[in-house]
Protein backbone atom coordinates (compact mmCIF):
# COMPACT_ATOMS: atom_id res chain seq x y z
CA MET A 1 2.71 4.96 -20.55
CA HIS A 2 -0.36 2.93 -21.50
CA GLY A 3 -2.23 4.42 -18.55
CA TYR A 4 -0.14 2.60 -15.96
CA ARG A 5 0.07 4.70 -12.82
CA HIS A 6 0.86 2.38 -9.91
CA TYR A 7 4.20 0.55 -9.65
CA LEU A 8 5.44 -1.98 -7.09
CA GLU A 9 8.83 -3.64 -6.78
CA LEU A 10 8.74 -6.71 -4.55
CA CYS A 11 12.24 -7.97 -3.90
CA THR A 12 14.95 -8.92 -1.43
CA ARG A 13 18.15 -7.08 -0.69
CA SER A 14 19.95 -9.36 -3.18
CA THR A 15 17.26 -9.31 -5.92
CA GLY A 16 15.29 -6.64 -7.76
CA ARG A 17 17.76 -3.79 -8.04
CA GLN A 18 15.65 -1.96 -10.61
CA TYR A 19 14.05 0.66 -8.38
CA ALA A 20 16.75 3.23 -9.15
CA GLU A 21 15.93 2.86 -12.86
CA ILE A 22 12.25 3.74 -12.38
CA ASP A 23 11.20 7.33 -13.02
CA CYS A 24 8.79 7.62 -10.11
CA SER A 25 7.57 10.99 -11.39
CA LEU A 26 5.71 9.08 -14.11
CA PHE A 27 3.60 7.20 -11.55
CA THR A 28 0.95 8.22 -9.06
CA THR A 29 2.16 5.42 -6.78
CA CYS A 30 5.69 4.04 -6.76
CA LYS A 31 6.39 1.61 -3.90
CA ARG A 32 8.99 -0.95 -2.93
CA LEU A 33 8.56 -3.95 -0.65
CA MET A 34 11.86 -5.48 0.38
CA TYR A 35 12.31 -8.54 2.57
CA ARG A 36 15.12 -10.75 3.85
CA CYS A 37 16.83 -7.55 4.79
CA PRO A 38 17.96 -7.75 8.45
CA ASP A 39 20.33 -4.77 8.27
CA GLY A 40 18.16 -2.62 6.02
CA PRO A 41 18.68 -1.87 2.33
CA ARG A 42 22.18 -1.16 1.10
CA ASP A 43 21.38 0.72 -2.09
CA GLY A 44 20.30 4.00 -0.47
CA MET A 45 16.90 3.89 -2.16
CA GLU A 46 13.63 4.30 -0.27
CA VAL A 47 11.85 1.18 0.94
CA ASP A 48 8.17 1.60 1.74
CA TYR A 49 7.57 -1.84 3.25
CA LEU A 50 10.47 -3.66 4.91
CA SER A 51 10.85 -7.08 6.52
CA SER A 52 14.04 -8.40 8.06
CA ASP A 53 13.19 -12.02 7.23
CA LEU A 54 11.14 -14.04 4.74
CA ASP A 55 7.80 -13.15 6.36
CA ILE A 56 6.11 -10.35 4.40
CA SER A 57 2.65 -10.64 5.98
CA GLU A 58 2.93 -7.33 7.88
CA CYS A 59 4.08 -5.59 4.70
CA LEU A 60 1.15 -7.00 2.74
CA ASP A 61 -1.25 -6.04 5.52
CA ALA A 62 0.07 -2.47 5.39
CA ILE A 63 -0.36 -2.32 1.60
CA ARG A 64 -3.92 -3.57 1.93
CA ARG A 65 -4.67 -1.11 4.76
CA ASP A 66 -3.41 1.63 2.44
CA ASN A 67 -5.88 0.26 -0.14
CA LEU A 68 -3.20 0.09 -2.84
CA ILE A 69 -3.38 -1.80 -6.10
CA PHE A 70 -0.70 -1.85 -8.78
CA ASP A 71 -0.74 -1.78 -12.58
CA ILE A 72 2.89 -2.85 -12.88
CA ALA A 73 4.90 -5.01 -10.53
CA LEU A 74 8.48 -6.20 -10.70
CA ILE A 75 8.50 -9.42 -8.69
CA ASP A 76 12.02 -10.68 -8.05
CA PRO A 77 11.70 -13.01 -5.06
CA PHE A 78 14.19 -14.87 -2.94
CA HIS A 79 15.03 -17.67 -5.33
CA GLU A 80 13.42 -20.62 -3.61
CA TYR A 81 10.22 -22.30 -4.70
CA GLY A 82 8.07 -21.32 -1.71
CA THR A 83 8.94 -17.64 -1.65
CA SER A 84 8.82 -17.39 -5.44
CA TRP A 85 5.33 -18.91 -5.56
CA ARG A 86 4.13 -16.72 -2.69
CA ASP A 87 5.52 -13.50 -4.18
CA ILE A 88 4.11 -14.13 -7.64
CA ASP A 89 0.73 -15.04 -6.15
CA GLU A 90 0.71 -11.95 -3.92
CA GLY A 91 1.80 -9.78 -6.85
CA PHE A 92 -1.27 -10.92 -8.79
CA MET A 93 -3.50 -10.31 -5.77
CA LEU A 94 -2.12 -6.78 -5.36
CA GLY A 95 -2.86 -6.13 -9.02
CA SER A 96 -6.36 -7.56 -8.95
CA PRO A 97 -9.03 -5.04 -9.84
CA HIS A 98 -11.46 -4.20 -7.07
CA GLU A 99 -13.69 -1.34 -6.10
CA GLN A 100 -11.39 1.65 -5.71
CA SER A 101 -11.15 5.09 -7.16
CA ARG A 102 -7.95 5.22 -9.15
C-alpha cells in the first residue's frame, strides 16, 4: 500500500506484539528486532535481530551491514526515557533515505 515495501518492528518481549498481524507477503522486507529478551521470544514468531538485554548495538550493526532501510517501522520500546529516545532515534535513522537500490 502506498508503495511501502520495507517493514521493521523494533520492540521488547513485553512490547510490540503486532508482528503476527502483519501480512509479510505484502512487503519485500519484513524484519523484527527484539531486545530485553534473555530467554528468547515467547510468541513463536520469527525474530531477525535479537538481544538479551537493553543493548541493541549489535542488532543495529547487523541491519546496517545488510544495508536495510525501512519505509514503515513500529517502534514500541522498553518504556523508559533512555531506551524510548534511542529507539525512536534509531528508527528514524533506519528509515533515512540514502543511496540504495530499492
